[in-house]
Amino acid sequence: MINYPIKFEPILKEKIWGGNKLKNVLHKNTTLNNVGESWEISDVDNSVSVVANGALKGLNLKELIHQYTSDFIGKQNYKTFGDNFPILIKFIDAKEDLSIQVHPDDTVAKKRHNSFGKTEMWYVMQADKDANVIVGFNQKMSQEKYKYHLKQNELKDILHYQEVNEGDSFFINAGKIHAIGSGVLLAEIQQTSDITYRVYDWDRKDTHGNGRELHTDLALDVIDYNNNKDYKTLYERRYNQSSTIVDCNYFTTNFLKVKNSLVRASNTIDSFIVYMCTKGAAEITVDSNTEMIQEGQTVLIPATANQIEIKGANAEFLEVLV
């Protein structure tokens, strides 16, 4: 049986900048320290998600797509991506600042790494006082000007710092220089890619006294030097209605706040649907099959589902499809 809300085993990643919010706030079961990321649904090589519940328990994401094809991910998605799942779903806890970085687009990533590019979005679930993110430049920029500031170790002086609060969202298109700041817990939706060009890492060292690898040369012709002030993504927060946060070529993400009960037909949507619970708890029923979901958990609804019912008191979700 495929028509039920499918959960996957979280894939937890220790990071030099990671903390303990994934464990203490989102209740991830782990004994690891400095957990920076929980990969909720992943088709990245060597990190392929495994089903945690129901009749399909134990199968991995690749096996599901191969076995159920368009019934699982949708006809157009299967035509476009074949046995590859098109997006990567994460929760991220930044106890310390992440590196300043940039991601290549599809063309560059295919040529250099035989990979998809990496366009992504963030949704802030919790932020400590004065926490911020870096998105783009704070002034008119050119490659030569950027290289000068990089050489002078003044890169942080030309970047745009944006203070963040719960509910803030940011669209990070490929080429936009960015970093998640310390004290931020967020949900991230991105293309299936693990390609990151790190251009500055705050001069920090690991336990062996070594700095992490930088990719300053690779990043030069990838960075978007335009000073586009599209920092935050605005959206509406309405009860029992999906409000679009991001609608791009790679994914659509809606904000959904459920009060009491919401029923929707899904048989007209040619895509799987992912629900990331960002606050509260709810029951999600798909064609009479019910699964509980709470803050920090994720479920996937297969493309062949006919109807979705969500019951909860003030539960909040990101609703993601392709």
C-alpha atoms as a PDB file:
ATOM      1  CA  MET A   1       0.000   0.000   0.000  1.00  0.00           C
ATOM      2  CA  ILE A   2       1.368   3.380  -0.982  1.00  0.00           C
ATOM      3  CA  ASN A   3      -1.452   5.793  -0.108  1.00  0.00           C
ATOM      4  CA  TYR A   4      -0.541   6.740   3.441  1.00  0.00           C
ATOM      5  CA  PRO A   5       1.530   9.508   5.074  1.00  0.00           C
ATOM      6  CA  ILE A   6       5.101   8.224   4.787  1.00  0.00           C
ATOM      7  CA  LYS A   7       7.714   9.101   7.402  1.00  0.00           C
ATOM      8  CA  PHE A   8      11.447   8.607   6.926  1.00  0.00           C
ATOM      9  CA  GLU A   9      14.246   8.022   9.412  1.00  0.00           C
ATOM     10  CA  PRO A  10      16.018  11.381   9.942  1.00  0.00           C
ATOM     11  CA  ILE A  11      19.640  11.414   8.784  1.00  0.00           C
ATOM     12  CA  LEU A  12      21.512  13.479  11.365  1.00  0.00           C
ATOM     13  CA  LYS A  13      24.711  15.300  10.446  1.00  0.00           C
ATOM     14  CA  GLU A  14      27.320  16.517  12.928  1.00  0.00           C
ATOM     15  CA  LYS A  15      28.723  19.914  11.974  1.00  0.00           C
ATOM     16  CA  ILE A  16      31.457  22.137  13.400  1.00  0.00           C
ATOM     17  CA  TRP A  17      28.774  24.824  13.797  1.00  0.00           C
ATOM     18  CA  GLY A  18      25.945  22.553  15.017  1.00  0.00           C
ATOM     19  CA  GLY A  19      24.198  22.612  18.389  1.00  0.00           C
ATOM     20  CA  ASN A  20      21.543  20.781  20.397  1.00  0.00           C
ATOM     21  CA  LYS A  21      18.223  22.301  19.255  1.00  0.00           C
ATOM     22  CA  LEU A  22      17.480  19.440  16.874  1.00  0.00           C
ATOM     23  CA  LYS A  23      17.620  17.147  19.901  1.00  0.00           C
ATOM     24  CA  ASN A  24      16.140  19.390  22.592  1.00  0.00           C
ATOM     25  CA  VAL A  25      13.628  21.452  20.595  1.00  0.00           C
ATOM     26  CA  LEU A  26      12.692  19.160  17.684  1.00  0.00           C
ATOM     27  CA  HIS A  27      13.134  15.949  19.720  1.00  0.00           C
ATOM     28  CA  LYS A  28      15.471  14.129  17.357  1.00  0.00           C
ATOM     29  CA  ASN A  29      16.652  10.882  18.938  1.00  0.00           C
ATOM     30  CA  THR A  30      20.439  11.084  18.973  1.00  0.00           C
ATOM     31  CA  THR A  31      23.518  10.770  21.156  1.00  0.00           C
ATOM     32  CA  LEU A  32      25.597  12.811  18.694  1.00  0.00           C
ATOM     33  CA  ASN A  33      27.060  16.167  19.656  1.00  0.00           C
ATOM     34  CA  ASN A  34      26.930  19.349  17.559  1.00  0.00           C
ATOM     35  CA  VAL A  35      24.120  18.110  15.324  1.00  0.00           C
ATOM     36  CA  GLY A  36      23.723  20.750  12.633  1.00  0.00           C
ATOM     37  CA  GLU A  37      21.339  19.128  10.165  1.00  0.00           C
ATOM     38  CA  SER A  38      18.510  16.624  10.080  1.00  0.00           C
ATOM     39  CA  TRP A  39      17.992  15.408   6.530  1.00  0.00           C
ATOM     40  CA  GLU A  40      14.303  14.535   6.551  1.00  0.00           C
ATOM     41  CA  ILE A  41      13.929  13.361   2.950  1.00  0.00           C
ATOM     42  CA  SER A  42      17.085  12.822   0.927  1.00  0.00           C
ATOM     43  CA  ASP A  43      18.137  11.147  -2.292  1.00  0.00           C
ATOM     44  CA  VAL A  44      21.741  12.382  -2.062  1.00  0.00           C
ATOM     45  CA  ASP A  45      24.337   9.651  -2.702  1.00  0.00           C
ATOM     46  CA  ASN A  46      25.311   7.844   0.526  1.00  0.00           C
ATOM     47  CA  SER A  47      22.489   9.613   2.398  1.00  0.00           C
ATOM     48  CA  VAL A  48      19.318   8.064   0.958  1.00  0.00           C
ATOM     49  CA  SER A  49      16.301   8.177   3.273  1.00  0.00           C
ATOM     50  CA  VAL A  50      14.679   4.978   4.587  1.00  0.00           C
ATOM     51  CA  VAL A  51      10.948   4.635   5.365  1.00  0.00           C
ATOM     52  CA  ALA A  52      10.237   4.546   9.103  1.00  0.00           C
ATOM     53  CA  ASN A  53       6.533   3.588   9.205  1.00  0.00           C
ATOM     54  CA  GLY A  54       3.762   1.544   7.627  1.00  0.00           C
ATOM     55  CA  ALA A  55       3.726  -1.131   4.969  1.00  0.00           C
ATOM     56  CA  LEU A  56       6.763   0.288   3.160  1.00  0.00           C
ATOM     57  CA  LYS A  57       8.975   0.426   6.273  1.00  0.00           C
ATOM     58  CA  GLY A  58      12.605  -0.429   5.493  1.00  0.00           C
ATOM     59  CA  LEU A  59      12.494   0.539   1.807  1.00  0.00           C
ATOM     60  CA  ASN A  60      14.657   3.476   0.797  1.00  0.00           C
ATOM     61  CA  LEU A  61      13.580   6.464  -1.258  1.00  0.00           C
ATOM     62  CA  LYS A  62      15.323   5.229  -4.403  1.00  0.00           C
ATOM     63  CA  GLU A  63      13.554   1.859  -4.152  1.00  0.00           C
ATOM     64  CA  LEU A  64      10.187   3.557  -3.710  1.00  0.00           C
ATOM     65  CA  ILE A  65      10.586   5.629  -6.853  1.00  0.00           C
ATOM     66  CA  HIS A  66      11.858   2.664  -8.855  1.00  0.00           C
ATOM     67  CA  GLN A  67       8.959   0.492  -7.702  1.00  0.00           C
ATOM     68  CA  TYR A  68       6.084   2.989  -7.844  1.00  0.00           C
ATOM     69  CA  THR A  69       7.409   5.494 -10.431  1.00  0.00           C
ATOM     70  CA  SER A  70       4.828   8.188 -11.265  1.00  0.00           C
ATOM     71  CA  ASP A  71       2.365   6.896  -8.655  1.00  0.00           C
ATOM     72  CA  PHE A  72       4.876   8.038  -6.056  1.00  0.00           C
ATOM     73  CA  ILE A  73       6.301  11.323  -7.389  1.00  0.00           C
ATOM     74  CA  GLY A  74       3.895  12.306 -10.189  1.00  0.00           C
ATOM     75  CA  LYS A  75       3.850  11.754 -13.943  1.00  0.00           C
ATOM     76  CA  GLN A  76       5.727  14.904 -14.958  1.00  0.00           C
ATOM     77  CA  ASN A  77       8.280  14.517 -12.178  1.00  0.00           C
ATOM     78  CA  TYR A  78       9.001  10.942 -13.196  1.00  0.00           C
ATOM     79  CA  LYS A  79       9.319  12.019 -16.823  1.00  0.00           C
ATOM     80  CA  THR A  80      11.763  14.772 -15.819  1.00  0.00           C
ATOM     81  CA  PHE A  81      13.766  13.153 -13.014  1.00  0.00           C
ATOM     82  CA  GLY A  82      13.345   9.394 -13.526  1.00  0.00           C
ATOM     83  CA  ASP A  83      14.396   7.490 -10.418  1.00  0.00           C
ATOM     84  CA  ASN A  84      15.858  10.638  -8.804  1.00  0.00           C
ATOM     85  CA  PHE A  85      13.977  12.528  -6.100  1.00  0.00           C
ATOM     86  CA  PRO A  86      14.133  16.230  -7.040  1.00  0.00           C
ATOM     87  CA  ILE A  87      14.359  17.954  -3.630  1.00  0.00           C
ATOM     88  CA  LEU A  88      16.180  17.663  -0.306  1.00  0.00           C
ATOM     89  CA  ILE A  89      14.279  18.473   2.903  1.00  0.00           C
ATOM     90  CA  LYS A  90      16.192  19.534   6.052  1.00  0.00           C
ATOM     91  CA  PHE A  91      16.022  21.083   9.483  1.00  0.00           C
ATOM     92  CA  ILE A  92      19.136  23.107  10.401  1.00  0.00           C
ATOM     93  CA  ASP A  93      20.421  24.249  13.799  1.00  0.00           C
ATOM     94  CA  ALA A  94      23.176  26.862  13.688  1.00  0.00           C
ATOM     95  CA  LYS A  95      24.744  27.156  17.134  1.00  0.00           C
ATOM     96  CA  GLU A  96      27.548  29.093  15.441  1.00  0.00           C
ATOM     97  CA  ASP A  97      27.687  30.998  12.160  1.00  0.00           C
ATOM     98  CA  LEU A  98      27.797  28.838   9.055  1.00  0.00           C
ATOM     99  CA  SER A  99      30.446  29.598   6.454  1.00  0.00           C
ATOM    100  CA  ILE A 100      29.809  32.312   3.890  1.00  0.00           C
ATOM    101  CA  GLN A 101      28.993  30.323   0.778  1.00  0.00           C
ATOM    102  CA  VAL A 102      27.392  30.158  -2.626  1.00  0.00           C
ATOM    103  CA  HIS A 103      25.890  27.381  -4.759  1.00  0.00           C
ATOM    104  CA  PRO A 104      26.216  26.848  -8.536  1.00  0.00           C
ATOM    105  CA  ASP A 105      23.258  26.696 -10.898  1.00  0.00           C
ATOM    106  CA  ASP A 106      22.272  23.623 -12.922  1.00  0.00           C
ATOM    107  CA  THR A 107      24.570  24.406 -15.854  1.00  0.00           C
ATOM    108  CA  VAL A 108      27.741  24.839 -13.796  1.00  0.00           C
ATOM    109  CA  ALA A 109      26.919  21.983 -11.416  1.00  0.00           C
ATOM    110  CA  LYS A 110      26.298  19.594 -14.309  1.00  0.00           C
ATOM    111  CA  LYS A 111      29.543  20.574 -16.039  1.00  0.00           C
ATOM    112  CA  ARG A 112      31.766  20.481 -12.949  1.00  0.00           C
ATOM    113  CA  HIS A 113      30.136  17.886 -10.704  1.00  0.00           C
ATOM    114  CA  ASN A 114      27.545  15.986 -12.796  1.00  0.00           C
ATOM    115  CA  SER A 115      24.985  17.210 -10.268  1.00  0.00           C
ATOM    116  CA  PHE A 116      21.897  19.361 -10.012  1.00  0.00           C
ATOM    117  CA  GLY A 117      22.496  22.962  -9.012  1.00  0.00           C
ATOM    118  CA  LYS A 118      21.306  24.241  -5.664  1.00  0.00           C
ATOM    119  CA  THR A 119      18.507  26.742  -5.311  1.00  0.00           C
ATOM    120  CA  GLU A 120      17.022  26.726  -1.813  1.00  0.00           C
ATOM    121  CA  MET A 121      14.757  28.497   0.651  1.00  0.00           C
ATOM    122  CA  TRP A 122      14.741  28.981   4.423  1.00  0.00           C
ATOM    123  CA  TYR A 123      11.889  29.209   6.906  1.00  0.00           C
ATOM    124  CA  VAL A 124      12.923  30.397  10.379  1.00  0.00           C
ATOM    125  CA  MET A 125      11.365  28.265  13.136  1.00  0.00           C
ATOM    126  CA  GLN A 126      13.146  29.863  16.099  1.00  0.00           C
ATOM    127  CA  ALA A 127      15.779  32.560  16.490  1.00  0.00           C
ATOM    128  CA  ASP A 128      17.742  33.738  19.505  1.00  0.00           C
ATOM    129  CA  LYS A 129      17.797  37.435  20.324  1.00  0.00           C
ATOM    130  CA  ASP A 130      19.654  39.479  17.651  1.00  0.00           C
ATOM    131  CA  ALA A 131      20.205  36.401  15.450  1.00  0.00           C
ATOM    132  CA  ASN A 132      20.713  37.113  11.760  1.00  0.00           C
ATOM    133  CA  VAL A 133      21.371  35.644   8.353  1.00  0.00           C
ATOM    134  CA  ILE A 134      23.538  36.875   5.490  1.00  0.00           C
ATOM    135  CA  VAL A 135      21.836  37.262   2.114  1.00  0.00           C
ATOM    136  CA  GLY A 136      23.557  39.014  -0.766  1.00  0.00           C
ATOM    137  CA  PHE A 137      25.627  42.208  -0.748  1.00  0.00           C
ATOM    138  CA  ASN A 138      24.962  45.512   1.016  1.00  0.00           C
ATOM    139  CA  GLN A 139      26.244  47.628  -1.887  1.00  0.00           C
ATOM    140  CA  LYS A 140      26.810  47.657  -5.625  1.00  0.00           C
ATOM    141  CA  MET A 141      29.280  44.921  -6.396  1.00  0.00           C
ATOM    142  CA  SER A 142      31.521  43.633  -9.200  1.00  0.00           C
ATOM    143  CA  GLN A 143      33.821  40.646  -9.407  1.00  0.00           C
ATOM    144  CA  GLU A 144      36.911  42.858  -9.122  1.00  0.00           C
ATOM    145  CA  LYS A 145      35.541  44.705  -6.107  1.00  0.00           C
ATOM    146  CA  TYR A 146      34.564  41.402  -4.488  1.00  0.00           C
ATOM    147  CA  LYS A 147      38.053  39.961  -5.096  1.00  0.00           C
ATOM    148  CA  TYR A 148      39.642  43.037  -3.528  1.00  0.00           C
ATOM    149  CA  HIS A 149      37.602  42.736  -0.326  1.00  0.00           C
ATOM    150  CA  LEU A 150      38.222  38.986  -0.206  1.00  0.00           C
ATOM    151  CA  LYS A 151      41.993  39.526  -0.504  1.00  0.00           C
ATOM    152  CA  GLN A 152      41.882  42.204   2.216  1.00  0.00           C
ATOM    153  CA  ASN A 153      39.967  39.821   4.498  1.00  0.00           C
ATOM    154  CA  GLU A 154      37.081  42.306   4.463  1.00  0.00           C
ATOM    155  CA  LEU A 155      34.407  40.108   2.900  1.00  0.00           C
ATOM    156  CA  LYS A 156      32.108  40.390   5.913  1.00  0.00           C
ATOM    157  CA  ASP A 157      32.033  44.195   5.484  1.00  0.00           C
ATOM    158  CA  ILE A 158      30.272  44.068   2.101  1.00  0.00           C
ATOM    159  CA  LEU A 159      27.545  41.553   2.967  1.00  0.00           C
ATOM    160  CA  HIS A 160      23.920  42.203   3.881  1.00  0.00           C
ATOM    161  CA  TYR A 161      23.027  41.119   7.420  1.00  0.00           C
ATOM    162  CA  GLN A 162      19.317  40.578   8.072  1.00  0.00           C
ATOM    163  CA  GLU A 163      17.998  40.168  11.619  1.00  0.00           C
ATOM    164  CA  VAL A 164      15.494  37.316  11.745  1.00  0.00           C
ATOM    165  CA  ASN A 165      12.489  36.214  13.757  1.00  0.00           C
ATOM    166  CA  GLU A 166      10.218  33.197  13.807  1.00  0.00           C
ATOM    167  CA  GLY A 167       8.249  32.929  10.566  1.00  0.00           C
ATOM    168  CA  ASP A 168      10.723  34.843   8.388  1.00  0.00           C
ATOM    169  CA  SER A 169      11.480  33.233   5.038  1.00  0.00           C
ATOM    170  CA  PHE A 170      14.239  33.730   2.456  1.00  0.00           C
ATOM    171  CA  PHE A 171      14.654  32.543  -1.133  1.00  0.00           C
ATOM    172  CA  ILE A 172      18.285  31.712  -1.916  1.00  0.00           C
ATOM    173  CA  ASN A 173      18.629  31.306  -5.665  1.00  0.00           C
ATOM    174  CA  ALA A 174      21.787  29.703  -7.045  1.00  0.00           C
ATOM    175  CA  GLY A 175      24.514  32.357  -7.129  1.00  0.00           C
ATOM    176  CA  LYS A 176      23.338  34.341  -4.092  1.00  0.00           C
ATOM    177  CA  ILE A 177      26.060  34.587  -1.457  1.00  0.00           C
ATOM    178  CA  HIS A 178      24.650  33.678   1.953  1.00  0.00           C
ATOM    179  CA  ALA A 179      25.135  32.248   5.443  1.00  0.00           C
ATOM    180  CA  ILE A 180      22.931  31.200   8.344  1.00  0.00           C
ATOM    181  CA  GLY A 181      23.896  33.016  11.525  1.00  0.00           C
ATOM    182  CA  SER A 182      24.315  31.628  15.028  1.00  0.00           C
ATOM    183  CA  GLY A 183      21.159  31.071  17.043  1.00  0.00           C
ATOM    184  CA  VAL A 184      18.906  30.258  14.079  1.00  0.00           C
ATOM    185  CA  LEU A 185      16.804  27.092  13.786  1.00  0.00           C
ATOM    186  CA  LEU A 186      15.205  26.727  10.378  1.00  0.00           C
ATOM    187  CA  ALA A 187      13.633  24.472   7.787  1.00  0.00           C
ATOM    188  CA  GLU A 188      15.348  24.294   4.412  1.00  0.00           C
ATOM    189  CA  ILE A 189      13.951  23.111   1.088  1.00  0.00           C
ATOM    190  CA  GLN A 190      16.429  22.782  -1.766  1.00  0.00           C
ATOM    191  CA  GLN A 191      17.254  20.984  -4.964  1.00  0.00           C
ATOM    192  CA  THR A 192      18.787  17.554  -4.481  1.00  0.00           C
ATOM    193  CA  SER A 193      22.414  18.626  -4.374  1.00  0.00           C
ATOM    194  CA  ASP A 194      25.228  18.762  -1.847  1.00  0.00           C
ATOM    195  CA  ILE A 195      27.412  21.168  -3.846  1.00  0.00           C
ATOM    196  CA  THR A 196      28.580  24.135  -1.773  1.00  0.00           C
ATOM    197  CA  TYR A 197      31.362  26.615  -2.508  1.00  0.00           C
ATOM    198  CA  ARG A 198      32.693  27.899   0.813  1.00  0.00           C
ATOM    199  CA  VAL A 199      34.359  31.312   0.455  1.00  0.00           C
ATOM    200  CA  TYR A 200      34.965  32.312   4.091  1.00  0.00           C
ATOM    201  CA  ASP A 201      34.736  30.351   7.347  1.00  0.00           C
ATOM    202  CA  TRP A 202      35.433  32.991  10.017  1.00  0.00           C
ATOM    203  CA  ASP A 203      39.062  31.767  10.370  1.00  0.00           C
ATOM    204  CA  ARG A 204      37.944  28.947  12.672  1.00  0.00           C
ATOM    205  CA  LYS A 205      39.830  25.701  13.182  1.00  0.00           C
ATOM    206  CA  ASP A 206      38.699  22.142  13.831  1.00  0.00           C
ATOM    207  CA  THR A 207      39.853  20.020  16.784  1.00  0.00           C
ATOM    208  CA  HIS A 208      43.099  19.298  14.924  1.00  0.00           C
ATOM    209  CA  GLY A 209      43.838  22.967  14.305  1.00  0.00           C
ATOM    210  CA  ASN A 210      42.942  22.832  10.611  1.00  0.00           C
ATOM    211  CA  GLY A 211      40.696  25.218   8.720  1.00  0.00           C
ATOM    212  CA  ARG A 212      37.986  23.845   6.446  1.00  0.00           C
ATOM    213  CA  GLU A 213      38.551  23.784   2.700  1.00  0.00           C
ATOM    214  CA  LEU A 214      37.636  26.965   0.832  1.00  0.00           C
ATOM    215  CA  HIS A 215      36.470  27.182  -2.784  1.00  0.00           C
ATOM    216  CA  THR A 216      37.156  30.838  -3.563  1.00  0.00           C
ATOM    217  CA  ASP A 217      38.266  30.273  -7.165  1.00  0.00           C
ATOM    218  CA  LEU A 218      35.333  28.015  -8.029  1.00  0.00           C
ATOM    219  CA  ALA A 219      32.939  30.592  -6.609  1.00  0.00           C
ATOM    220  CA  LEU A 220      34.135  33.573  -8.662  1.00  0.00           C
ATOM    221  CA  ASP A 221      32.105  32.946 -11.806  1.00  0.00           C
ATOM    222  CA  VAL A 222      29.128  31.557  -9.851  1.00  0.00           C
ATOM    223  CA  ILE A 223      28.387  34.517  -7.573  1.00  0.00           C
ATOM    224  CA  ASP A 224      25.554  36.854  -8.557  1.00  0.00           C
ATOM    225  CA  TYR A 225      27.112  40.299  -8.020  1.00  0.00           C
ATOM    226  CA  ASN A 226      23.870  42.215  -8.476  1.00  0.00           C
ATOM    227  CA  ASN A 227      22.642  44.018  -5.388  1.00  0.00           C
ATOM    228  CA  ASN A 228      19.098  42.662  -5.603  1.00  0.00           C
ATOM    229  CA  LYS A 229      17.284  43.573  -2.414  1.00  0.00           C
ATOM    230  CA  ASP A 230      14.955  40.580  -2.495  1.00  0.00           C
ATOM    231  CA  TYR A 231      16.092  39.501   0.942  1.00  0.00           C
ATOM    232  CA  LYS A 232      12.881  38.377   2.599  1.00  0.00           C
ATOM    233  CA  THR A 233       9.968  36.526   1.054  1.00  0.00           C
ATOM    234  CA  LEU A 234       6.586  37.897   2.067  1.00  0.00           C
ATOM    235  CA  TYR A 235       3.545  35.671   2.437  1.00  0.00           C
ATOM    236  CA  GLU A 236       0.185  35.548   4.207  1.00  0.00           C
ATOM    237  CA  ARG A 237      -0.556  33.563   7.377  1.00  0.00           C
ATOM    238  CA  ARG A 238      -4.188  32.445   7.150  1.00  0.00           C
ATOM    239  CA  TYR A 239      -6.072  29.639   8.822  1.00  0.00           C
ATOM    240  CA  ASN A 240      -6.856  26.572   6.691  1.00  0.00           C
ATOM    241  CA  GLN A 241      -5.577  28.112   3.455  1.00  0.00           C
ATOM    242  CA  SER A 242      -2.277  27.498   1.681  1.00  0.00           C
ATOM    243  CA  SER A 243      -0.307  30.713   1.187  1.00  0.00           C
ATOM    244  CA  THR A 244       2.554  30.642  -1.297  1.00  0.00           C
ATOM    245  CA  ILE A 245       5.980  31.479   0.135  1.00  0.00           C
ATOM    246  CA  VAL A 246       8.112  30.405  -2.846  1.00  0.00           C
ATOM    247  CA  ASP A 247       7.068  29.245  -6.310  1.00  0.00           C
ATOM    248  CA  CYS A 248      10.113  28.581  -8.498  1.00  0.00           C
ATOM    249  CA  ASN A 249      11.175  26.163 -11.231  1.00  0.00           C
ATOM    250  CA  TYR A 250      12.406  23.638  -8.653  1.00  0.00           C
ATOM    251  CA  PHE A 251       9.725  23.555  -5.958  1.00  0.00           C
ATOM    252  CA  THR A 252       6.670  25.291  -4.564  1.00  0.00           C
ATOM    253  CA  THR A 253       6.455  25.907  -0.822  1.00  0.00           C
ATOM    254  CA  ASN A 254       3.276  27.069   0.900  1.00  0.00           C
ATOM    255  CA  PHE A 255       2.603  28.089   4.487  1.00  0.00           C
ATOM    256  CA  LEU A 256      -0.381  26.326   6.037  1.00  0.00           C
ATOM    257  CA  LYS A 257      -1.875  26.998   9.473  1.00  0.00           C
ATOM    258  CA  VAL A 258      -4.507  24.451  10.471  1.00  0.00           C
ATOM    259  CA  LYS A 259      -7.200  25.190  13.028  1.00  0.00           C
ATOM    260  CA  ASN A 260      -9.443  22.242  13.905  1.00  0.00           C
ATOM    261  CA  SER A 261      -9.740  20.437  10.546  1.00  0.00           C
ATOM    262  CA  LEU A 262      -8.845  20.870   6.908  1.00  0.00           C
ATOM    263  CA  VAL A 263      -9.841  18.549   4.054  1.00  0.00           C
ATOM    264  CA  ARG A 264      -8.466  18.879   0.568  1.00  0.00           C
ATOM    265  CA  ALA A 265      -8.621  16.866  -2.622  1.00  0.00           C
ATOM    266  CA  SER A 266      -5.151  15.989  -3.876  1.00  0.00           C
ATOM    267  CA  ASN A 267      -5.979  13.823  -6.897  1.00  0.00           C
ATOM    268  CA  THR A 268      -5.694  16.833  -9.225  1.00  0.00           C
ATOM    269  CA  ILE A 269      -2.090  17.560  -8.142  1.00  0.00           C
ATOM    270  CA  ASP A 270       0.509  15.782 -10.280  1.00  0.00           C
ATOM    271  CA  SER A 271       3.114  15.670  -7.517  1.00  0.00           C
ATOM    272  CA  PHE A 272       3.966  14.190  -4.161  1.00  0.00           C
ATOM    273  CA  ILE A 273       3.308  16.600  -1.275  1.00  0.00           C
ATOM    274  CA  VAL A 274       5.643  17.016   1.703  1.00  0.00           C
ATOM    275  CA  TYR A 275       4.401  18.407   5.009  1.00  0.00           C
ATOM    276  CA  MET A 276       7.020  19.765   7.431  1.00  0.00           C
ATOM    277  CA  CYS A 277       5.483  20.494  10.828  1.00  0.00           C
ATOM    278  CA  THR A 278       6.981  23.746  12.130  1.00  0.00           C
ATOM    279  CA  LYS A 279       4.730  24.194  15.168  1.00  0.00           C
ATOM    280  CA  GLY A 280       2.196  22.173  17.138  1.00  0.00           C
ATOM    281  CA  ALA A 281       0.933  18.707  16.281  1.00  0.00           C
ATOM    282  CA  ALA A 282      -1.752  17.168  14.090  1.00  0.00           C
ATOM    283  CA  GLU A 283      -3.217  14.026  12.584  1.00  0.00           C
ATOM    284  CA  ILE A 284      -2.768  13.631   8.838  1.00  0.00           C
ATOM    285  CA  THR A 285      -5.125  11.184   7.156  1.00  0.00           C
ATOM    286  CA  VAL A 286      -4.647  10.018   3.574  1.00  0.00           C
ATOM    287  CA  ASP A 287      -7.407   7.865   2.091  1.00  0.00           C
ATOM    288  CA  SER A 288      -8.413   6.610   5.583  1.00  0.00           C
ATOM    289  CA  ASN A 289      -4.806   6.010   6.732  1.00  0.00           C
ATOM    290  CA  THR A 290      -3.741   8.244   9.649  1.00  0.00           C
ATOM    291  CA  GLU A 291      -0.336   9.304  10.974  1.00  0.00           C
ATOM    292  CA  MET A 292       0.495  11.683  13.837  1.00  0.00           C
ATOM    293  CA  ILE A 293       2.950  14.466  13.118  1.00  0.00           C
ATOM    294  CA  GLN A 294       4.464  17.007  15.505  1.00  0.00           C
ATOM    295  CA  GLU A 295       6.876  19.914  15.400  1.00  0.00           C
ATOM    296  CA  GLY A 296      10.137  18.830  13.761  1.00  0.00           C
ATOM    297  CA  GLN A 297       8.621  15.902  11.869  1.00  0.00           C
ATOM    298  CA  THR A 298       8.012  15.451   8.151  1.00  0.00           C
ATOM    299  CA  VAL A 299       5.664  13.285   6.092  1.00  0.00           C
ATOM    300  CA  LEU A 300       5.414  12.627   2.376  1.00  0.00           C
ATOM    301  CA  ILE A 301       2.068  12.106   0.646  1.00  0.00           C
ATOM    302  CA  PRO A 302       2.369  10.047  -2.583  1.00  0.00           C
ATOM    303  CA  ALA A 303       1.112  11.540  -5.827  1.00  0.00           C
ATOM    304  CA  THR A 304      -1.765   9.035  -6.139  1.00  0.00           C
ATOM    305  CA  ALA A 305      -3.412  10.133  -2.888  1.00  0.00           C
ATOM    306  CA  ASN A 306      -7.031  11.179  -3.416  1.00  0.00           C
ATOM    307  CA  GLN A 307      -7.759  13.150  -0.258  1.00  0.00           C
ATOM    308  CA  ILE A 308      -5.798  14.652   2.626  1.00  0.00           C
ATOM    309  CA  GLU A 309      -7.332  15.556   5.983  1.00  0.00           C
ATOM    310  CA  ILE A 310      -5.366  17.423   8.654  1.00  0.00           C
ATOM    311  CA  LYS A 311      -6.713  17.756  12.201  1.00  0.00           C
ATOM    312  CA  GLY A 312      -4.950  19.924  14.755  1.00  0.00           C
ATOM    313  CA  ALA A 313      -5.234  22.945  17.004  1.00  0.00           C
ATOM    314  CA  ASN A 314      -3.108  25.744  15.537  1.00  0.00           C
ATOM    315  CA  ALA A 315      -0.618  23.408  13.863  1.00  0.00           C
ATOM    316  CA  GLU A 316       1.683  25.056  11.323  1.00  0.00           C
ATOM    317  CA  PHE A 317       3.208  23.432   8.254  1.00  0.00           C
ATOM    318  CA  LEU A 318       5.319  24.009   5.216  1.00  0.00           C
ATOM    319  CA  GLU A 319       3.591  22.317   2.287  1.00  0.00           C
ATOM    320  CA  VAL A 320       6.060  21.425  -0.469  1.00  0.00           C
ATOM    321  CA  LEU A 321       5.492  20.043  -3.967  1.00  0.00           C
ATOM    322  CA  VAL A 322       7.233  19.982  -7.327  1.00  0.00           C
END
